[in-house]
């Protein structure tokens, strides 16, 4: 039977995730590939979810999510990032930030609309724009500029169909951040050219060197034209709970929630209870995890530079993005051979965009012992390559 005639052309055009390829082949090897904390969810957070089950809280919630969780989200964002949203109709609880991104794009994008995507960036952005009927317009960033988006980068890619800008900071895969002052220049272009912004701030709590994340929506006149996506998975070690949220002006959010009603209905109540506990009481545990990430970050960046794989200093998330161009291999060749010859799994930068061709994404959300051993093997592999040159 010819199933291809039944599958949509849009889906057939999508490429499988470049991350999954290396994750699925990582059994029995040291993996620095998957962007997931190695910490267990703090026990008090898990206990809150278990207690909700004992309390027989196993029912649907409002489509918007538990009212108490939405109130906690607003209080958290206000305290941490100087944002305020009405819990009634400006905060939607979603099944992970992936759903939040999908809802945001399907709400904002009409067929043929241009969506600006800084690259390299998270693998789902481009496919989800396509699935929403939009046209991804890729804005290539450079290591020389620390993978920061500049005003001229946007101006060089604007068309009469440009409608949405994706802001992916702190950035996966590079660890790049943008300061409030740097984003102010972007906000001027956004306002002048009447753009709407989807700001993915999932890694907002993971910043280093004394840098604090500034939300794009906190900039003057940007709240009214920004959807903020965030969640608990990275900061609170809760990836498997699949709990995110999206915030924005009520006029947009009341449209966005309609898609959620007909697709996901609501996030699991146990995960919502856990997330509320995390936001209200989990900050000290989160800050301890960030301190440990920071130690790993400094170690891994120094080691890559010692090995000869140039690595700019990431100031956010938990990824390093070293260049392998000096070895004579591109990132994909390097990753394939490293896996086969040294049993270390990493993700080639090209999975996040063509301009990541000569880079690797290295996640340092692993134990220092694993990181140290992986780098010993990487150094041995690089020396072998140098001998072959």
Protein backbone atom coordinates (compact mmCIF):
# COMPACT_ATOMS: atom_id res chain seq x y z
CA UNK A 1 0.00 0.00 0.00
CA UNK A 2 1.26 3.47 -0.89
CA UNK A 3 0.99 5.34 2.39
CA UNK A 4 2.84 8.37 1.04
CA UNK A 5 -0.31 9.66 -0.65
CA UNK A 6 -2.03 9.83 2.74
CA UNK A 7 0.74 11.67 4.60
CA UNK A 8 0.75 15.47 4.34
CA UNK A 9 3.47 17.08 2.22
CA UNK A 10 4.38 19.34 5.13
CA UNK A 11 5.15 16.43 7.42
CA UNK A 12 7.06 14.55 4.73
CA UNK A 13 9.28 17.59 4.20
CA UNK A 14 10.45 17.59 7.83
CA UNK A 15 13.81 16.09 8.72
CA UNK A 16 14.13 13.96 11.87
CA UNK A 17 15.74 15.64 14.87
CA UNK A 18 19.53 15.68 14.68
CA UNK A 19 19.65 15.36 18.47
CA UNK A 20 17.69 12.12 18.63
CA UNK A 21 20.08 10.37 16.25
CA UNK A 22 22.97 10.63 18.70
CA UNK A 23 20.86 10.08 21.80
CA UNK A 24 19.40 6.84 20.45
CA UNK A 25 22.87 5.55 19.63
CA UNK A 26 24.32 6.47 23.00
CA UNK A 27 23.64 3.29 24.96
CA UNK A 28 26.75 2.12 26.79
CA UNK A 29 28.76 5.26 25.98
CA UNK A 30 29.48 8.52 27.76
CA UNK A 31 26.84 10.93 26.52
CA UNK A 32 27.16 14.70 26.60
CA UNK A 33 24.39 15.04 24.08
CA UNK A 34 20.98 15.38 25.70
CA UNK A 35 19.93 18.71 27.21
CA UNK A 36 18.59 17.31 30.45
CA UNK A 37 19.68 17.93 34.07
CA UNK A 38 21.42 15.00 35.73
CA UNK A 39 19.76 15.97 39.01
CA UNK A 40 16.60 14.29 40.24
CA UNK A 41 13.64 16.57 40.80
CA UNK A 42 14.00 17.94 44.36
CA UNK A 43 12.17 15.57 46.70
CA UNK A 44 9.82 18.19 48.17
CA UNK A 45 8.52 18.93 44.67
CA UNK A 46 7.89 15.26 43.92
CA UNK A 47 6.28 14.79 47.33
CA UNK A 48 3.79 17.54 46.53
CA UNK A 49 2.71 15.64 43.40
CA UNK A 50 2.46 12.34 45.29
CA UNK A 51 0.33 13.98 47.96
CA UNK A 52 -2.00 15.33 45.27
CA UNK A 53 -2.58 11.75 44.09
CA UNK A 54 -3.28 10.62 47.67
CA UNK A 55 -5.75 13.51 47.84
CA UNK A 56 -7.46 12.01 44.77
CA UNK A 57 -6.66 15.06 42.67
CA UNK A 58 -6.75 13.12 39.42
CA UNK A 59 -9.21 15.18 37.42
CA UNK A 60 -9.12 17.71 34.60
CA UNK A 61 -8.23 21.26 35.51
CA UNK A 62 -9.38 24.41 33.77
CA UNK A 63 -8.07 24.71 30.24
CA UNK A 64 -5.97 27.60 31.51
CA UNK A 65 -4.49 25.44 34.30
CA UNK A 66 -4.90 25.47 38.06
CA UNK A 67 -5.73 28.95 39.28
CA UNK A 68 -3.26 28.61 42.15
CA UNK A 69 -0.48 27.66 39.72
CA UNK A 70 -1.23 30.62 37.46
CA UNK A 71 -1.08 32.89 40.48
CA UNK A 72 2.26 31.32 41.44
CA UNK A 73 3.57 31.86 37.89
CA UNK A 74 2.61 35.53 38.00
CA UNK A 75 4.21 36.03 41.42
CA UNK A 76 7.36 34.20 40.30
CA UNK A 77 7.73 36.18 37.07
CA UNK A 78 7.09 39.43 38.87
CA UNK A 79 9.73 38.74 41.50
CA UNK A 80 12.37 37.20 39.24
CA UNK A 81 11.92 39.05 35.93
CA UNK A 82 9.83 42.15 36.62
CA UNK A 83 6.83 40.85 34.66
CA UNK A 84 3.16 40.99 35.60
CA UNK A 85 0.36 39.00 33.97
CA UNK A 86 -3.29 38.57 34.88
CA UNK A 87 -3.66 34.93 35.99
CA UNK A 88 -7.22 34.92 34.68
CA UNK A 89 -6.57 35.39 30.97
CA UNK A 90 -2.87 36.12 30.35
CA UNK A 91 -1.22 32.92 31.60
CA UNK A 92 -1.78 29.49 30.05
CA UNK A 93 -0.32 26.31 31.53
CA UNK A 94 0.86 23.93 28.80
CA UNK A 95 2.20 20.41 28.44
CA UNK A 96 5.81 21.49 28.24
CA UNK A 97 7.21 24.48 26.40
CA UNK A 98 7.06 22.55 23.13
CA UNK A 99 3.27 22.81 23.23
CA UNK A 100 3.55 26.48 24.18
CA UNK A 101 5.69 27.16 21.10
CA UNK A 102 3.31 25.25 18.85
CA UNK A 103 0.30 27.16 20.19
CA UNK A 104 2.06 30.51 19.86
CA UNK A 105 3.03 29.92 16.24
CA UNK A 106 -0.36 28.54 15.18
CA UNK A 107 -2.07 31.52 16.81
CA UNK A 108 0.11 34.18 15.22
CA UNK A 109 1.09 32.79 11.82
CA UNK A 110 -0.99 32.79 8.65
CA UNK A 111 0.09 30.76 5.60
CA UNK A 112 3.01 32.52 3.94
CA UNK A 113 3.98 34.74 6.87
CA UNK A 114 7.73 35.10 7.41
CA UNK A 115 9.08 34.13 10.83
CA UNK A 116 12.62 35.22 11.70
CA UNK A 117 14.65 32.51 13.44
CA UNK A 118 18.17 33.27 14.73
CA UNK A 119 20.46 30.30 14.02
CA UNK A 120 21.93 28.14 15.39
CA UNK A 121 19.01 27.54 17.73
CA UNK A 122 16.66 24.89 19.07
CA UNK A 123 15.86 22.20 16.52
CA UNK A 124 12.06 22.52 16.82
CA UNK A 125 11.73 26.15 15.75
CA UNK A 126 11.99 25.70 12.01
CA UNK A 127 9.76 22.58 11.75
CA UNK A 128 7.07 24.12 13.93
CA UNK A 129 6.98 27.27 11.79
CA UNK A 130 6.50 25.05 8.74
CA UNK A 131 3.73 23.07 10.45
CA UNK A 132 2.00 26.37 11.29
CA UNK A 133 2.07 27.28 7.59
CA UNK A 134 4.72 29.97 7.93
CA UNK A 135 8.00 30.47 6.15
CA UNK A 136 11.13 30.16 8.32
CA UNK A 137 13.61 32.93 7.56
CA UNK A 138 16.95 31.91 9.02
CA UNK A 139 19.15 34.62 10.50
CA UNK A 140 22.67 33.24 10.78
CA UNK A 141 24.65 34.38 13.81
CA UNK A 142 28.41 34.06 14.36
CA UNK A 143 30.79 33.05 17.12
CA UNK A 144 32.68 36.31 16.53
CA UNK A 145 29.60 38.16 17.81
CA UNK A 146 29.04 35.58 20.59
CA UNK A 147 25.93 34.39 18.75
CA UNK A 148 24.03 37.54 19.74
CA UNK A 149 21.26 38.88 17.51
CA UNK A 150 22.00 42.37 16.24
CA UNK A 151 19.76 45.08 14.84
CA UNK A 152 21.32 44.79 11.39
CA UNK A 153 20.76 41.03 11.35
CA UNK A 154 17.01 41.63 11.49
CA UNK A 155 17.00 44.54 9.04
CA UNK A 156 18.87 42.44 6.47
CA UNK A 157 16.14 39.77 6.53
CA UNK A 158 12.96 41.85 6.68
CA UNK A 159 10.36 41.52 3.92
CA UNK A 160 6.82 42.80 3.54
CA UNK A 161 5.70 39.39 4.88
CA UNK A 162 7.76 39.44 8.09
CA UNK A 163 5.42 39.06 11.04
CA UNK A 164 7.09 37.22 13.92
CA UNK A 165 10.55 37.22 15.50
CA UNK A 166 11.68 34.28 17.62
CA UNK A 167 13.98 35.35 20.48
CA UNK A 168 15.79 32.27 21.82
CA UNK A 169 17.80 33.63 24.77
CA UNK A 170 19.52 32.24 26.78
CA UNK A 171 20.27 30.13 23.73
CA UNK A 172 20.28 26.42 23.07
CA UNK A 173 22.77 25.25 21.69
CA UNK A 174 25.40 27.98 22.14
CA UNK A 175 24.81 29.20 25.69
CA UNK A 176 24.69 32.78 24.39
CA UNK A 177 22.77 35.44 26.28
CA UNK A 178 21.69 38.99 25.50
CA UNK A 179 21.75 41.86 27.94
CA UNK A 180 18.88 44.28 28.41
CA UNK A 181 20.86 46.97 26.59
CA UNK A 182 21.49 44.70 23.61
CA UNK A 183 17.83 43.74 23.42
CA UNK A 184 16.75 47.37 23.50
CA UNK A 185 18.15 47.80 19.99
CA UNK A 186 16.13 44.78 18.85
CA UNK A 187 12.99 46.20 20.45
CA UNK A 188 13.36 49.39 18.40
CA UNK A 189 13.26 47.36 15.18
CA UNK A 190 10.34 45.29 16.46
CA UNK A 191 8.29 48.41 17.15
CA UNK A 192 9.32 50.28 14.00
CA UNK A 193 8.43 47.36 11.73
CA UNK A 194 5.36 46.22 13.68
CA UNK A 195 6.61 42.73 14.53
CA UNK A 196 5.38 40.30 17.17
CA UNK A 197 7.89 38.43 19.32
CA UNK A 198 7.89 34.89 20.71
CA UNK A 199 10.49 34.95 23.47
CA UNK A 200 11.64 31.49 24.53
CA UNK A 201 13.02 32.05 28.04
CA UNK A 202 13.18 28.46 29.27
CA UNK A 203 16.83 28.87 30.32
CA UNK A 204 16.29 32.27 31.94
CA UNK A 205 17.35 31.08 35.39
CA UNK A 206 20.56 29.50 34.08
CA UNK A 207 22.93 32.45 33.72
CA UNK A 208 26.48 32.96 35.00
CA UNK A 209 29.24 35.51 35.62
CA UNK A 210 26.83 37.63 37.62
CA UNK A 211 24.63 38.15 34.56
CA UNK A 212 20.88 38.16 35.21
CA UNK A 213 18.36 37.32 32.51
CA UNK A 214 16.19 40.19 31.32
CA UNK A 215 12.87 39.20 29.77
CA UNK A 216 12.17 40.71 26.37
CA UNK A 217 8.64 41.51 27.53
CA UNK A 218 10.04 43.67 30.36
CA UNK A 219 11.45 46.19 27.87
CA UNK A 220 9.48 49.41 27.26
CA UNK A 221 6.41 48.80 25.04
CA UNK A 222 7.34 45.15 24.42
CA UNK A 223 4.88 43.43 26.77
CA UNK A 224 2.04 44.27 24.40
CA UNK A 225 3.75 42.57 21.45
CA UNK A 226 5.47 39.59 23.10
CA UNK A 227 4.52 36.05 24.06
CA UNK A 228 6.84 34.75 26.79
CA UNK A 229 7.43 30.99 26.90
CA UNK A 230 8.87 29.44 30.02
CA UNK A 231 8.63 26.34 32.19
CA UNK A 232 10.08 24.32 35.05
CA UNK A 233 11.92 21.58 33.19
CA UNK A 234 15.48 22.94 33.03
CA UNK A 235 15.75 25.15 36.11
CA UNK A 236 14.05 22.75 38.51
CA UNK A 237 15.20 19.43 36.95
CA UNK A 238 11.66 18.55 35.87
CA UNK A 239 12.00 17.61 32.19
CA UNK A 240 9.80 14.50 32.43
CA UNK A 241 6.96 16.35 34.13
CA UNK A 242 6.21 18.14 30.83
CA UNK A 243 5.03 21.40 32.35
CA UNK A 244 5.42 24.77 30.70
CA UNK A 245 3.52 28.01 30.32
CA UNK A 246 3.02 30.89 27.95
CA UNK A 247 2.13 34.46 28.90
CA UNK A 248 0.99 37.41 26.84
CA UNK A 249 -1.67 40.03 26.17
CA UNK A 250 -5.20 38.76 26.84
CA UNK A 251 -6.28 39.61 23.28
CA UNK A 252 -3.81 37.03 21.96
CA UNK A 253 -4.05 34.55 24.81
CA UNK A 254 -7.83 34.14 24.52
CA UNK A 255 -7.27 33.05 20.93
CA UNK A 256 -4.32 30.83 21.76
CA UNK A 257 -6.21 28.92 24.45
CA UNK A 258 -8.79 27.80 21.87
CA UNK A 259 -6.21 25.60 20.16
CA UNK A 260 -5.18 24.21 23.54
CA UNK A 261 -8.84 23.39 24.30
CA UNK A 262 -9.22 21.29 21.19
CA UNK A 263 -5.85 19.54 21.34
CA UNK A 264 -4.32 19.11 24.79
CA UNK A 265 -7.26 20.22 26.98
CA UNK A 266 -5.04 20.69 30.06
CA UNK A 267 -1.67 19.71 31.49
CA UNK A 268 -1.69 16.79 33.99
CA UNK A 269 -2.86 18.02 37.38
CA UNK A 270 -0.07 16.21 39.28
CA UNK A 271 2.55 18.03 37.21
CA UNK A 272 0.76 21.32 37.83
CA UNK A 273 0.81 20.76 41.59
CA UNK A 274 4.52 19.93 41.43
CA UNK A 275 5.24 23.04 39.36
CA UNK A 276 3.40 25.25 41.82
CA UNK A 277 5.52 23.89 44.66
CA UNK A 278 8.67 24.42 42.60
CA UNK A 279 7.85 28.06 41.86
CA UNK A 280 6.81 28.86 45.42
CA UNK A 281 9.45 26.94 47.37
CA UNK A 282 12.04 25.48 44.98
CA UNK A 283 14.28 28.48 44.25
CA UNK A 284 16.98 27.60 46.85
CA UNK A 285 17.37 24.09 45.38
CA UNK A 286 17.43 25.55 41.87
CA UNK A 287 20.14 28.05 42.81
CA UNK A 288 22.31 25.25 44.22
CA UNK A 289 22.02 23.36 40.93
CA UNK A 290 23.01 26.51 39.01
CA UNK A 291 26.17 26.84 41.13
CA UNK A 292 27.15 23.28 40.18
CA UNK A 293 26.44 23.93 36.48
CA UNK A 294 28.67 26.98 36.70
CA UNK A 295 31.62 24.94 38.02
CA UNK A 296 31.16 22.42 35.22
CA UNK A 297 30.83 25.22 32.68
CA UNK A 298 34.14 26.82 33.61
CA UNK A 299 35.90 23.46 33.65
CA UNK A 300 34.59 22.28 30.29
CA UNK A 301 35.29 25.55 28.46
CA UNK A 302 38.87 25.69 29.79
CA UNK A 303 39.49 22.08 28.80
CA UNK A 304 38.19 22.53 25.25
CA UNK A 305 40.46 25.52 24.74
CA UNK A 306 43.40 23.54 26.16
CA UNK A 307 42.66 20.69 23.75
CA UNK A 308 42.66 23.12 20.84
CA UNK A 309 38.93 23.19 20.13
CA UNK A 310 38.16 26.89 20.34
CA UNK A 311 35.19 27.52 22.60
CA UNK A 312 33.73 30.92 23.39
CA UNK A 313 32.49 31.31 26.94
CA UNK A 314 28.75 30.55 27.24
CA UNK A 315 26.98 32.68 29.84
CA UNK A 316 23.63 30.92 29.86
CA UNK A 317 21.85 27.54 29.65
CA UNK A 318 24.05 24.44 30.16
CA UNK A 319 25.74 24.02 26.79
CA UNK A 320 29.18 24.68 25.33
CA UNK A 321 29.64 25.11 21.58
CA UNK A 322 33.26 24.38 20.62
CA UNK A 323 34.56 24.60 17.07
CA UNK A 324 36.23 21.52 15.52
CA UNK A 325 37.28 23.22 12.30
CA UNK A 326 40.97 23.03 13.27
CA UNK A 327 40.81 19.21 13.13
CA UNK A 328 39.97 19.13 9.43
CA UNK A 329 36.57 17.58 10.15
CA UNK A 330 33.15 19.15 10.28
CA UNK A 331 30.98 18.64 13.35
CA UNK A 332 29.06 15.70 11.98
CA UNK A 333 32.19 13.83 10.91
CA UNK A 334 33.79 14.55 14.27
CA UNK A 335 30.72 13.37 16.22
CA UNK A 336 30.35 10.18 14.19
CA UNK A 337 33.99 9.20 14.59
CA UNK A 338 34.14 10.20 18.25
CA UNK A 339 31.17 7.94 18.96
CA UNK A 340 32.66 5.02 17.01
CA UNK A 341 36.27 5.36 18.18
CA UNK A 342 36.01 6.73 21.72
CA UNK A 343 32.40 5.96 22.72
CA UNK A 344 31.51 9.56 23.52
CA UNK A 345 28.21 10.92 22.20
CA UNK A 346 27.90 14.61 21.35
CA UNK A 347 25.60 16.47 18.96
CA UNK A 348 27.00 18.11 15.79
CA UNK A 349 26.18 21.80 15.57
CA UNK A 350 24.61 21.40 12.14
CA UNK A 351 21.58 19.88 13.88
CA UNK A 352 20.80 23.45 14.98
CA UNK A 353 21.46 25.19 11.69
CA UNK A 354 23.80 25.18 8.70
CA UNK A 355 26.06 27.75 10.35
CA UNK A 356 26.73 25.22 13.10
CA UNK A 357 28.49 22.94 10.62
CA UNK A 358 31.92 23.12 12.28
CA UNK A 359 30.71 23.08 15.88
CA UNK A 360 29.57 20.59 18.50
CA UNK A 361 26.91 21.06 21.14
CA UNK A 362 28.19 19.76 24.44
CA UNK A 363 25.81 19.57 27.39
CA UNK A 364 27.46 19.93 30.80
CA UNK A 365 24.38 18.87 32.80
CA UNK A 366 26.24 15.66 33.62
CA UNK A 367 28.42 14.63 36.55
CA UNK A 368 31.90 16.10 36.66
CA UNK A 369 33.30 12.55 36.58
CA UNK A 370 31.56 11.85 33.27
CA UNK A 371 32.66 15.19 31.87
CA UNK A 372 36.28 14.64 32.89
CA UNK A 373 36.43 11.17 31.35
CA UNK A 374 34.69 12.34 28.17
CA UNK A 375 37.25 15.13 27.76
CA UNK A 376 40.14 12.70 28.26
CA UNK A 377 38.74 10.67 25.38
CA UNK A 378 38.08 13.75 23.25
CA UNK A 379 41.66 14.95 23.81
CA UNK A 380 43.00 11.54 22.81
CA UNK A 381 40.84 11.59 19.68
CA UNK A 382 41.98 15.11 18.72
CA UNK A 383 45.65 14.16 19.15
CA UNK A 384 45.09 11.18 16.88
CA UNK A 385 43.55 13.48 14.26
CA UNK A 386 46.47 15.89 14.52
CA UNK A 387 48.92 13.05 13.92
CA UNK A 388 47.02 12.20 10.74
CA UNK A 389 47.22 15.74 9.35
